[in-house]
N, C-alpha and C. Protein backbone atom coordinates (compact mmCIF):
# COMPACT_ATOMS: atom_id res chain seq x y z
N LEU A 1 0.82 -1.19 0.00
CA LEU A 1 0.00 0.00 0.00
C LEU A 1 0.86 1.25 0.00
N VAL A 2 1.86 1.30 0.86
CA VAL A 2 2.76 2.46 0.88
C VAL A 2 4.09 2.01 0.32
N ARG A 3 4.62 2.79 -0.55
CA ARG A 3 5.93 2.50 -1.11
C ARG A 3 6.95 3.44 -0.52
N ARG A 4 8.06 2.90 -0.13
CA ARG A 4 9.16 3.72 0.36
C ARG A 4 9.70 4.51 -0.83
N PRO A 5 9.95 5.80 -0.65
CA PRO A 5 10.43 6.59 -1.79
C PRO A 5 11.77 6.08 -2.30
N ALA A 6 11.87 6.04 -3.60
CA ALA A 6 13.13 5.67 -4.24
C ALA A 6 13.97 6.93 -4.38
N PRO A 7 15.28 6.79 -4.49
CA PRO A 7 16.08 7.99 -4.71
C PRO A 7 15.65 8.64 -6.02
N PRO A 8 15.71 9.96 -6.09
CA PRO A 8 15.29 10.64 -7.33
C PRO A 8 16.08 10.12 -8.53
N ALA A 9 15.37 9.89 -9.60
CA ALA A 9 15.99 9.42 -10.83
C ALA A 9 16.60 10.59 -11.58
N ALA A 10 17.66 10.33 -12.30
CA ALA A 10 18.31 11.39 -13.08
C ALA A 10 17.34 11.93 -14.12
N ALA A 11 16.68 11.07 -14.85
CA ALA A 11 15.68 11.49 -15.84
C ALA A 11 14.53 10.51 -15.75
N PRO A 12 13.40 10.92 -15.17
CA PRO A 12 12.29 9.98 -14.98
C PRO A 12 11.75 9.49 -16.32
N ALA A 13 11.45 8.20 -16.34
CA ALA A 13 10.84 7.64 -17.54
C ALA A 13 9.37 7.96 -17.53
N ALA A 14 8.89 8.56 -18.60
CA ALA A 14 7.48 8.90 -18.69
C ALA A 14 6.67 7.61 -18.84
N ALA A 15 5.50 7.61 -18.24
CA ALA A 15 4.61 6.47 -18.38
C ALA A 15 4.14 6.37 -19.83
N ALA A 16 4.06 5.16 -20.33
CA ALA A 16 3.66 4.97 -21.72
C ALA A 16 2.21 5.40 -21.92
N ALA A 17 1.95 6.11 -22.98
CA ALA A 17 0.59 6.56 -23.28
C ALA A 17 -0.23 5.37 -23.77
N PRO A 18 -1.52 5.35 -23.48
CA PRO A 18 -2.38 4.29 -23.98
C PRO A 18 -2.41 4.28 -25.50
N THR A 19 -2.80 3.14 -26.07
CA THR A 19 -2.84 3.05 -27.52
C THR A 19 -4.04 3.76 -28.12
N ILE A 20 -5.07 4.03 -27.34
CA ILE A 20 -6.25 4.73 -27.85
C ILE A 20 -5.99 6.23 -27.79
N ALA A 21 -6.13 6.90 -28.94
CA ALA A 21 -5.94 8.34 -29.04
C ALA A 21 -4.64 8.80 -28.37
N PRO A 22 -3.49 8.27 -28.82
CA PRO A 22 -2.24 8.58 -28.14
C PRO A 22 -1.89 10.06 -28.12
N ASP A 23 -2.24 10.80 -29.17
CA ASP A 23 -1.91 12.23 -29.16
C ASP A 23 -2.69 12.96 -28.07
N ARG A 24 -3.94 12.60 -27.91
CA ARG A 24 -4.77 13.22 -26.87
C ARG A 24 -4.26 12.86 -25.48
N PHE A 25 -3.97 11.58 -25.27
CA PHE A 25 -3.48 11.16 -23.97
C PHE A 25 -2.09 11.69 -23.68
N ALA A 26 -1.27 11.80 -24.70
CA ALA A 26 0.07 12.35 -24.48
C ALA A 26 -0.03 13.78 -23.97
N ALA A 27 -0.90 14.58 -24.57
CA ALA A 27 -1.07 15.97 -24.13
C ALA A 27 -1.65 16.03 -22.74
N TRP A 28 -2.70 15.24 -22.48
CA TRP A 28 -3.29 15.22 -21.15
C TRP A 28 -2.27 14.74 -20.12
N GLY A 29 -1.51 13.72 -20.49
CA GLY A 29 -0.50 13.19 -19.57
C GLY A 29 0.57 14.21 -19.24
N ARG A 30 1.03 14.96 -20.25
CA ARG A 30 2.03 16.01 -20.00
C ARG A 30 1.47 17.08 -19.07
N ASP A 31 0.23 17.50 -19.32
CA ASP A 31 -0.40 18.51 -18.46
C ASP A 31 -0.57 17.98 -17.03
N PHE A 32 -1.01 16.74 -16.91
CA PHE A 32 -1.23 16.14 -15.60
C PHE A 32 0.09 16.00 -14.84
N GLU A 33 1.12 15.50 -15.52
CA GLU A 33 2.43 15.36 -14.87
C GLU A 33 2.97 16.72 -14.45
N SER A 34 2.82 17.71 -15.30
CA SER A 34 3.28 19.06 -14.97
C SER A 34 2.57 19.59 -13.73
N ALA A 35 1.25 19.38 -13.67
CA ALA A 35 0.48 19.83 -12.50
C ALA A 35 0.93 19.11 -11.23
N LEU A 36 1.19 17.80 -11.32
CA LEU A 36 1.67 17.06 -10.14
C LEU A 36 3.02 17.58 -9.67
N ARG A 37 3.91 17.81 -10.62
CA ARG A 37 5.23 18.32 -10.25
C ARG A 37 5.13 19.73 -9.66
N GLN A 38 4.21 20.54 -10.16
CA GLN A 38 4.00 21.87 -9.58
C GLN A 38 3.46 21.76 -8.15
N TYR A 39 2.55 20.80 -7.93
CA TYR A 39 2.04 20.56 -6.58
C TYR A 39 3.18 20.18 -5.64
N VAL A 40 4.02 19.25 -6.08
CA VAL A 40 5.15 18.80 -5.26
C VAL A 40 6.08 19.97 -4.95
N ALA A 41 6.42 20.75 -5.96
CA ALA A 41 7.32 21.90 -5.76
C ALA A 41 6.69 22.93 -4.82
N SER A 42 5.41 23.20 -5.00
CA SER A 42 4.73 24.18 -4.13
C SER A 42 4.68 23.68 -2.69
N ALA A 43 4.35 22.42 -2.52
CA ALA A 43 4.30 21.86 -1.16
C ALA A 43 5.67 21.96 -0.50
N ARG A 44 6.70 21.59 -1.21
CA ARG A 44 8.05 21.66 -0.65
C ARG A 44 8.47 23.09 -0.36
N ALA A 45 8.07 24.02 -1.21
CA ALA A 45 8.41 25.44 -0.99
C ALA A 45 7.79 25.95 0.31
N TRP A 46 6.65 25.39 0.68
CA TRP A 46 5.98 25.79 1.93
C TRP A 46 6.35 24.84 3.08
N HIS A 47 7.37 24.02 2.88
CA HIS A 47 7.85 23.07 3.90
C HIS A 47 6.75 22.07 4.30
N VAL A 48 5.97 21.68 3.30
CA VAL A 48 4.95 20.66 3.49
C VAL A 48 5.42 19.41 2.76
N ARG A 49 5.30 18.28 3.40
CA ARG A 49 5.74 17.02 2.80
C ARG A 49 4.64 16.46 1.91
N PRO A 50 4.86 16.44 0.60
CA PRO A 50 3.82 15.91 -0.29
C PRO A 50 3.76 14.39 -0.25
N ILE A 51 2.56 13.87 -0.38
CA ILE A 51 2.33 12.43 -0.51
C ILE A 51 1.32 12.30 -1.64
N LEU A 52 1.62 11.44 -2.61
CA LEU A 52 0.71 11.24 -3.72
C LEU A 52 -0.12 9.98 -3.51
N MET A 53 -1.27 9.94 -4.18
CA MET A 53 -2.19 8.82 -4.03
C MET A 53 -2.83 8.52 -5.38
N THR A 54 -2.89 7.25 -5.74
CA THR A 54 -3.56 6.87 -6.97
C THR A 54 -5.07 6.92 -6.76
N GLN A 55 -5.79 6.84 -7.88
CA GLN A 55 -7.25 6.92 -7.86
C GLN A 55 -7.87 5.62 -8.35
N VAL A 56 -9.06 5.35 -7.87
CA VAL A 56 -9.77 4.13 -8.23
C VAL A 56 -10.74 4.42 -9.38
N TYR A 57 -10.84 3.47 -10.29
CA TYR A 57 -11.85 3.52 -11.36
C TYR A 57 -12.31 2.10 -11.63
N LEU A 58 -13.59 1.87 -11.56
CA LEU A 58 -14.09 0.51 -11.72
C LEU A 58 -14.15 0.03 -13.16
N GLY A 59 -14.16 0.92 -14.11
CA GLY A 59 -14.27 0.52 -15.50
C GLY A 59 -15.71 0.35 -15.92
N PRO A 60 -15.95 0.31 -17.22
CA PRO A 60 -17.32 0.33 -17.73
C PRO A 60 -18.15 -0.90 -17.39
N ASP A 61 -17.51 -2.01 -17.08
CA ASP A 61 -18.27 -3.21 -16.76
C ASP A 61 -18.47 -3.40 -15.27
N GLY A 62 -17.86 -2.54 -14.45
CA GLY A 62 -17.92 -2.72 -13.01
C GLY A 62 -19.00 -1.93 -12.30
N TRP A 63 -19.77 -1.11 -13.03
CA TRP A 63 -20.77 -0.27 -12.39
C TRP A 63 -21.72 0.28 -13.46
N HIS A 64 -22.81 0.86 -13.02
CA HIS A 64 -23.72 1.56 -13.92
C HIS A 64 -23.98 2.93 -13.34
N MET A 65 -23.74 3.94 -14.14
CA MET A 65 -23.91 5.32 -13.71
C MET A 65 -25.40 5.65 -13.60
N PRO A 66 -25.82 6.28 -12.51
CA PRO A 66 -27.20 6.73 -12.43
C PRO A 66 -27.48 7.73 -13.56
N ALA A 67 -28.71 7.78 -14.01
CA ALA A 67 -29.08 8.66 -15.11
C ALA A 67 -28.90 10.12 -14.72
N ASP A 68 -28.46 10.93 -15.70
CA ASP A 68 -28.39 12.38 -15.52
C ASP A 68 -29.80 12.95 -15.50
N ASP A 69 -29.90 14.25 -15.28
CA ASP A 69 -31.20 14.90 -15.26
C ASP A 69 -31.96 14.70 -16.57
N ASP A 70 -31.23 14.57 -17.67
CA ASP A 70 -31.91 14.38 -18.96
C ASP A 70 -32.23 12.91 -19.22
N GLY A 71 -32.00 12.05 -18.22
CA GLY A 71 -32.35 10.64 -18.34
C GLY A 71 -31.29 9.77 -18.98
N SER A 72 -30.16 10.33 -19.31
CA SER A 72 -29.13 9.52 -19.96
C SER A 72 -27.98 9.23 -19.00
N ASP A 73 -27.27 8.19 -19.31
CA ASP A 73 -26.10 7.78 -18.53
C ASP A 73 -24.90 8.57 -19.05
N TYR A 74 -24.27 9.36 -18.20
CA TYR A 74 -23.17 10.23 -18.61
C TYR A 74 -22.03 9.44 -19.24
N PHE A 75 -21.80 8.22 -18.78
CA PHE A 75 -20.72 7.40 -19.30
C PHE A 75 -21.19 6.35 -20.30
N ALA A 76 -22.42 6.47 -20.79
CA ALA A 76 -22.90 5.54 -21.81
C ALA A 76 -22.04 5.69 -23.07
N PRO A 77 -21.78 4.59 -23.77
CA PRO A 77 -20.90 4.67 -24.95
C PRO A 77 -21.29 5.76 -25.94
N GLU A 78 -22.59 5.93 -26.19
CA GLU A 78 -22.99 6.96 -27.15
C GLU A 78 -22.69 8.37 -26.64
N ARG A 79 -22.82 8.58 -25.34
CA ARG A 79 -22.48 9.90 -24.76
C ARG A 79 -20.97 10.12 -24.82
N LEU A 80 -20.19 9.08 -24.56
CA LEU A 80 -18.73 9.19 -24.63
C LEU A 80 -18.28 9.51 -26.05
N ARG A 81 -18.88 8.82 -27.03
CA ARG A 81 -18.52 9.07 -28.43
C ARG A 81 -18.76 10.52 -28.83
N GLN A 82 -19.79 11.14 -28.27
CA GLN A 82 -20.06 12.56 -28.56
C GLN A 82 -18.89 13.45 -28.13
N ARG A 83 -18.13 12.97 -27.15
CA ARG A 83 -16.98 13.73 -26.66
C ARG A 83 -15.66 13.16 -27.17
N GLY A 84 -15.75 12.26 -28.15
CA GLY A 84 -14.55 11.69 -28.73
C GLY A 84 -13.89 10.64 -27.85
N LEU A 85 -14.66 10.01 -26.96
CA LEU A 85 -14.12 9.01 -26.04
C LEU A 85 -14.85 7.68 -26.22
N THR A 86 -14.33 6.66 -25.58
CA THR A 86 -14.95 5.34 -25.53
C THR A 86 -14.82 4.82 -24.11
N PRO A 87 -15.58 3.77 -23.75
CA PRO A 87 -15.37 3.17 -22.43
C PRO A 87 -13.92 2.71 -22.25
N GLN A 88 -13.31 2.18 -23.31
CA GLN A 88 -11.93 1.73 -23.23
C GLN A 88 -10.97 2.91 -23.02
N THR A 89 -11.32 4.06 -23.59
CA THR A 89 -10.50 5.26 -23.41
C THR A 89 -10.43 5.63 -21.93
N LEU A 90 -11.56 5.54 -21.25
CA LEU A 90 -11.58 5.89 -19.83
C LEU A 90 -10.75 4.93 -19.00
N VAL A 91 -10.82 3.64 -19.34
CA VAL A 91 -9.99 2.65 -18.64
C VAL A 91 -8.51 2.96 -18.90
N ALA A 92 -8.18 3.25 -20.16
CA ALA A 92 -6.80 3.57 -20.51
C ALA A 92 -6.34 4.85 -19.80
N ALA A 93 -7.20 5.85 -19.74
CA ALA A 93 -6.85 7.11 -19.07
C ALA A 93 -6.56 6.87 -17.59
N HIS A 94 -7.41 6.10 -16.95
CA HIS A 94 -7.21 5.79 -15.53
C HIS A 94 -5.85 5.13 -15.31
N ALA A 95 -5.57 4.12 -16.09
CA ALA A 95 -4.28 3.42 -15.94
C ALA A 95 -3.12 4.35 -16.26
N HIS A 96 -3.26 5.16 -17.29
CA HIS A 96 -2.19 6.08 -17.70
C HIS A 96 -1.92 7.13 -16.62
N PHE A 97 -2.96 7.74 -16.10
CA PHE A 97 -2.76 8.78 -15.08
C PHE A 97 -2.23 8.20 -13.78
N ASN A 98 -2.70 7.00 -13.39
CA ASN A 98 -2.13 6.37 -12.20
C ASN A 98 -0.67 6.02 -12.41
N ALA A 99 -0.30 5.62 -13.63
CA ALA A 99 1.12 5.34 -13.93
C ALA A 99 1.94 6.62 -13.80
N ILE A 100 1.38 7.74 -14.21
CA ILE A 100 2.08 9.03 -14.07
C ILE A 100 2.24 9.37 -12.59
N ILE A 101 1.21 9.16 -11.80
CA ILE A 101 1.30 9.43 -10.35
C ILE A 101 2.42 8.58 -9.75
N ARG A 102 2.46 7.31 -10.10
CA ARG A 102 3.50 6.42 -9.57
C ARG A 102 4.89 6.87 -10.02
N ALA A 103 5.02 7.25 -11.30
CA ALA A 103 6.32 7.68 -11.83
C ALA A 103 6.80 8.98 -11.16
N VAL A 104 5.90 9.93 -10.96
CA VAL A 104 6.28 11.19 -10.32
C VAL A 104 6.69 10.94 -8.87
N ALA A 105 5.94 10.10 -8.16
CA ALA A 105 6.30 9.79 -6.77
C ALA A 105 7.70 9.17 -6.71
N ALA A 106 7.98 8.24 -7.60
CA ALA A 106 9.30 7.59 -7.62
C ALA A 106 10.39 8.60 -8.00
N ALA A 107 10.15 9.39 -9.03
CA ALA A 107 11.16 10.34 -9.50
C ALA A 107 11.44 11.43 -8.47
N GLU A 108 10.42 11.85 -7.75
CA GLU A 108 10.57 12.92 -6.75
C GLU A 108 10.98 12.39 -5.38
N GLY A 109 10.99 11.06 -5.22
CA GLY A 109 11.37 10.47 -3.94
C GLY A 109 10.37 10.74 -2.84
N ILE A 110 9.09 10.73 -3.19
CA ILE A 110 8.06 10.98 -2.19
C ILE A 110 7.18 9.75 -2.02
N ASP A 111 6.50 9.70 -0.91
CA ASP A 111 5.65 8.55 -0.61
C ASP A 111 4.44 8.51 -1.52
N LEU A 112 3.99 7.29 -1.78
CA LEU A 112 2.83 7.04 -2.61
C LEU A 112 1.89 6.12 -1.85
N ILE A 113 0.63 6.50 -1.78
CA ILE A 113 -0.41 5.63 -1.25
C ILE A 113 -1.15 5.10 -2.47
N ASP A 114 -0.93 3.83 -2.78
CA ASP A 114 -1.48 3.26 -4.02
C ASP A 114 -2.84 2.63 -3.74
N VAL A 115 -3.83 3.50 -3.63
CA VAL A 115 -5.20 3.08 -3.33
C VAL A 115 -5.72 2.16 -4.44
N ASP A 116 -5.39 2.47 -5.67
CA ASP A 116 -5.87 1.68 -6.80
C ASP A 116 -5.48 0.21 -6.65
N ARG A 117 -4.25 -0.04 -6.26
CA ARG A 117 -3.77 -1.42 -6.14
C ARG A 117 -4.14 -2.07 -4.81
N ALA A 118 -4.79 -1.32 -3.93
CA ALA A 118 -5.21 -1.87 -2.64
C ALA A 118 -6.56 -2.57 -2.75
N GLY A 119 -7.09 -2.68 -3.97
CA GLY A 119 -8.40 -3.28 -4.20
C GLY A 119 -8.42 -4.75 -3.81
N PRO A 120 -9.41 -5.47 -4.27
CA PRO A 120 -10.32 -5.06 -5.32
C PRO A 120 -11.38 -4.09 -4.82
N TRP A 121 -11.76 -3.18 -5.70
CA TRP A 121 -12.82 -2.21 -5.43
C TRP A 121 -14.04 -2.63 -6.25
N THR A 122 -15.21 -2.50 -5.65
CA THR A 122 -16.45 -2.91 -6.32
C THR A 122 -17.52 -1.85 -6.11
N VAL A 123 -18.71 -2.13 -6.65
CA VAL A 123 -19.83 -1.21 -6.44
C VAL A 123 -20.24 -1.15 -4.98
N ALA A 124 -19.75 -2.07 -4.17
CA ALA A 124 -19.99 -1.98 -2.73
C ALA A 124 -19.18 -0.83 -2.11
N ASP A 125 -18.16 -0.34 -2.85
CA ASP A 125 -17.30 0.75 -2.38
C ASP A 125 -17.48 2.05 -3.18
N ILE A 126 -17.80 1.91 -4.45
CA ILE A 126 -17.82 3.04 -5.39
C ILE A 126 -19.21 3.14 -5.99
N TYR A 127 -19.83 4.32 -5.95
CA TYR A 127 -21.20 4.40 -6.45
C TYR A 127 -21.32 4.79 -7.91
N ASP A 128 -20.31 5.38 -8.51
CA ASP A 128 -20.45 5.81 -9.91
C ASP A 128 -19.20 5.51 -10.72
N GLY A 129 -18.39 4.60 -10.27
CA GLY A 129 -17.17 4.27 -10.99
C GLY A 129 -15.93 4.96 -10.47
N VAL A 130 -16.09 6.14 -9.83
CA VAL A 130 -14.93 6.90 -9.34
C VAL A 130 -15.10 7.45 -7.93
N HIS A 131 -16.31 7.63 -7.46
CA HIS A 131 -16.54 8.26 -6.15
C HIS A 131 -16.97 7.23 -5.12
N TYR A 132 -16.40 7.36 -3.93
CA TYR A 132 -16.68 6.41 -2.85
C TYR A 132 -18.06 6.64 -2.25
N ASN A 133 -18.76 5.54 -1.96
CA ASN A 133 -19.98 5.63 -1.16
C ASN A 133 -19.58 5.60 0.31
N ASP A 134 -20.53 5.49 1.23
CA ASP A 134 -20.19 5.51 2.65
C ASP A 134 -19.23 4.38 3.03
N ALA A 135 -19.53 3.18 2.58
CA ALA A 135 -18.66 2.04 2.91
C ALA A 135 -17.27 2.22 2.29
N GLY A 136 -17.23 2.66 1.05
CA GLY A 136 -15.95 2.89 0.39
C GLY A 136 -15.16 4.00 1.04
N SER A 137 -15.86 5.04 1.50
CA SER A 137 -15.18 6.14 2.20
C SER A 137 -14.53 5.65 3.48
N ARG A 138 -15.25 4.80 4.22
CA ARG A 138 -14.65 4.25 5.44
C ARG A 138 -13.44 3.36 5.10
N ARG A 139 -13.57 2.58 4.04
CA ARG A 139 -12.48 1.68 3.66
C ARG A 139 -11.25 2.47 3.21
N VAL A 140 -11.43 3.47 2.35
CA VAL A 140 -10.28 4.24 1.88
C VAL A 140 -9.69 5.08 3.00
N ALA A 141 -10.53 5.58 3.92
CA ALA A 141 -10.01 6.33 5.06
C ALA A 141 -9.12 5.45 5.93
N ALA A 142 -9.53 4.20 6.14
CA ALA A 142 -8.71 3.27 6.93
C ALA A 142 -7.39 2.98 6.21
N LEU A 143 -7.44 2.82 4.89
CA LEU A 143 -6.21 2.58 4.12
C LEU A 143 -5.25 3.76 4.22
N ILE A 144 -5.79 4.95 4.07
CA ILE A 144 -4.95 6.16 4.14
C ILE A 144 -4.38 6.33 5.55
N ALA A 145 -5.22 6.12 6.57
CA ALA A 145 -4.74 6.25 7.95
C ALA A 145 -3.63 5.24 8.23
N SER A 146 -3.80 4.02 7.77
CA SER A 146 -2.77 2.99 7.98
C SER A 146 -1.48 3.36 7.26
N ALA A 147 -1.61 3.85 6.03
CA ALA A 147 -0.42 4.26 5.26
C ALA A 147 0.30 5.41 5.94
N LEU A 148 -0.45 6.40 6.40
CA LEU A 148 0.17 7.55 7.07
C LEU A 148 0.84 7.12 8.38
N GLU A 149 0.20 6.21 9.09
CA GLU A 149 0.82 5.71 10.33
C GLU A 149 2.15 5.02 10.01
N ALA A 150 2.18 4.22 8.95
CA ALA A 150 3.42 3.53 8.57
C ALA A 150 4.51 4.54 8.18
N ILE A 151 4.13 5.59 7.47
CA ILE A 151 5.09 6.63 7.09
C ILE A 151 5.64 7.33 8.33
N ILE A 152 4.76 7.68 9.23
CA ILE A 152 5.18 8.37 10.46
C ILE A 152 6.10 7.48 11.29
N ARG A 153 5.73 6.22 11.46
CA ARG A 153 6.58 5.29 12.23
C ARG A 153 7.95 5.15 11.58
N ARG A 154 8.00 5.04 10.26
CA ARG A 154 9.28 4.92 9.55
C ARG A 154 10.13 6.16 9.76
N GLU A 155 9.53 7.33 9.67
CA GLU A 155 10.27 8.57 9.82
C GLU A 155 10.75 8.78 11.25
N VAL A 156 9.94 8.42 12.23
CA VAL A 156 10.35 8.52 13.64
C VAL A 156 11.51 7.57 13.90
N ALA A 157 11.39 6.33 13.41
CA ALA A 157 12.46 5.33 13.62
C ALA A 157 13.76 5.78 12.98
N ALA A 158 13.67 6.49 11.85
CA ALA A 158 14.87 6.96 11.16
C ALA A 158 15.40 8.27 11.74
N GLY A 159 14.71 8.82 12.73
CA GLY A 159 15.15 10.07 13.35
C GLY A 159 14.89 11.31 12.51
N ARG A 160 14.02 11.18 11.51
CA ARG A 160 13.71 12.33 10.66
C ARG A 160 12.46 13.06 11.11
N LEU A 161 11.79 12.53 12.13
CA LEU A 161 10.56 13.12 12.62
C LEU A 161 10.48 12.87 14.11
N ALA A 162 10.16 13.87 14.85
CA ALA A 162 9.97 13.72 16.30
C ALA A 162 8.48 13.88 16.59
N LEU A 163 7.95 12.96 17.35
CA LEU A 163 6.55 13.08 17.75
C LEU A 163 6.48 13.96 18.99
N MET A 164 5.64 14.94 18.92
CA MET A 164 5.45 15.84 20.06
C MET A 164 4.05 15.62 20.59
N LEU A 165 3.97 15.06 21.78
CA LEU A 165 2.67 14.80 22.40
C LEU A 165 2.29 15.97 23.29
N PRO A 166 1.00 16.25 23.37
CA PRO A 166 0.58 17.36 24.24
C PRO A 166 0.89 17.05 25.70
N GLY A 167 1.28 18.08 26.41
CA GLY A 167 1.61 17.93 27.84
C GLY A 167 0.36 17.92 28.70
N PRO A 168 0.58 17.73 29.99
CA PRO A 168 -0.58 17.66 30.90
C PRO A 168 -1.33 18.97 31.00
């Protein structure tokens, strides 16, 4: 669940773009990676320790989106095609962006909470393919709390963090 940061790489290898609409994903991937690196730099500039986390996506066969106000499913194949996407494109995007999150965490030497790989995730956890329901929120909160506890214990043991408990 938590990966120990690797030493920063000299030149990080970019995550491979999906085969569907590679030009579109390449541009989105560059923008997304740039935004993540800006977040990391901003956090460090303010002396905040960044931690990255992957995102969960159930895929088109793992859930059914409730109908929009107009009665249609926002992620229905015909609605996706109107925006130049497919159900497979969304699966590829999810995998591609999570790969970028993992690559940036490794290249920057920061901790990663890999929620995506902590699955399996199902409709018992996710109500629309990407957002947690009550049960999923409790599950992901426990995963994050456990990961943060492991990070804190590791840093205290290494002498890089001192725990300050409130006094009487």
